[in-house]
Protein backbone atom coordinates (compact mmCIF):
# COMPACT_ATOMS: atom_id res chain seq x y z
CA MET A 1 -15.96 -47.41 20.86
CA SER A 2 -15.74 -43.66 21.41
CA LYS A 3 -16.18 -41.16 18.63
CA ILE A 4 -13.90 -38.12 18.75
CA SER A 5 -15.20 -34.79 17.49
CA LEU A 6 -13.13 -31.71 16.77
CA ALA A 7 -14.87 -28.33 16.80
CA LEU A 8 -13.16 -25.39 15.09
CA ILE A 9 -14.26 -21.78 14.86
CA THR A 10 -12.90 -19.91 11.88
CA LYS A 11 -12.86 -16.53 10.23
CA ASN A 12 -10.49 -15.67 7.39
CA GLU A 13 -8.12 -18.58 8.00
CA GLN A 14 -7.22 -19.42 4.40
CA GLU A 15 -3.50 -19.38 5.24
CA ASN A 16 -3.83 -21.83 8.14
CA ILE A 17 -6.89 -24.04 7.78
CA GLN A 18 -5.39 -26.63 5.43
CA ILE A 19 -2.30 -26.95 7.65
CA CYS A 20 -4.56 -27.46 10.65
CA LEU A 21 -6.65 -30.11 8.92
CA ASN A 22 -3.57 -31.92 7.62
CA SER A 23 -2.01 -31.98 11.08
CA ILE A 24 -4.86 -33.98 12.61
CA GLY A 25 -4.75 -36.63 9.89
CA ASN A 26 -6.98 -39.58 10.70
CA LEU A 27 -7.00 -38.98 14.45
CA ILE A 28 -10.45 -37.38 14.50
CA ASP A 29 -13.73 -39.07 13.59
CA GLU A 30 -15.69 -35.86 12.99
CA ILE A 31 -14.62 -32.30 12.18
CA VAL A 32 -17.17 -29.57 12.82
CA VAL A 33 -16.20 -26.12 11.55
CA VAL A 34 -18.23 -23.07 12.47
CA ASP A 35 -17.35 -20.06 10.36
CA THR A 36 -18.14 -16.62 11.71
CA GLY A 37 -18.03 -14.65 8.47
CA SER A 38 -14.96 -15.38 6.37
CA THR A 39 -14.42 -13.14 3.36
CA ASP A 40 -11.31 -14.90 2.05
CA ARG A 41 -10.99 -18.44 0.60
CA THR A 42 -11.56 -20.23 3.93
CA LEU A 43 -15.04 -21.48 2.99
CA GLU A 44 -13.88 -22.61 -0.45
CA ILE A 45 -11.09 -24.66 1.13
CA LEU A 46 -13.37 -26.19 3.75
CA GLU A 47 -16.09 -27.10 1.25
CA LYS A 48 -13.58 -29.34 -0.58
CA GLN A 49 -12.88 -31.40 2.55
CA PRO A 50 -14.99 -34.58 2.58
CA ASN A 51 -14.79 -35.07 6.36
CA VAL A 52 -15.72 -31.51 7.39
CA MET A 53 -19.20 -30.48 8.46
CA LEU A 54 -19.33 -26.74 7.80
CA TYR A 55 -21.77 -24.39 9.53
CA GLN A 56 -22.25 -20.63 9.26
CA PHE A 57 -22.66 -18.60 12.43
CA GLU A 58 -23.37 -14.89 12.62
CA TRP A 59 -20.80 -13.33 14.95
CA THR A 60 -22.35 -11.92 18.13
CA ASN A 61 -19.19 -10.40 19.63
CA ASP A 62 -19.20 -13.24 22.16
CA PHE A 63 -16.85 -16.14 21.51
CA SER A 64 -18.77 -18.37 23.91
CA ASP A 65 -21.86 -18.18 21.66
CA ALA A 66 -19.85 -19.54 18.72
CA ARG A 67 -18.17 -22.15 20.93
CA ASN A 68 -21.47 -23.40 22.32
CA TYR A 69 -22.99 -23.54 18.85
CA ALA A 70 -20.02 -25.56 17.57
CA ILE A 71 -20.19 -28.00 20.48
CA ASN A 72 -23.90 -28.50 19.89
CA GLN A 73 -23.17 -29.60 16.31
CA CYS A 74 -20.79 -32.35 17.44
CA THR A 75 -22.06 -35.91 17.71
CA GLY A 76 -18.98 -37.49 19.29
CA ASP A 77 -18.44 -38.42 22.89
């Protein structure tokens, strides 16, 4: 059976992250979140989620670096 991973890149998304996580419900087997330097409550919200694997990534001014890092953290198909 396939395992579905979702990779998200965040920065200061406290207003939206819970809505996003709620909208996917039980459709995803693994949620990988790569944060690029939030200074609001985004990290606090994510740390309370039992199904989220949270990683910190220093922003390099290149979205593809963050995207590739996030994809490399995923274990799903």
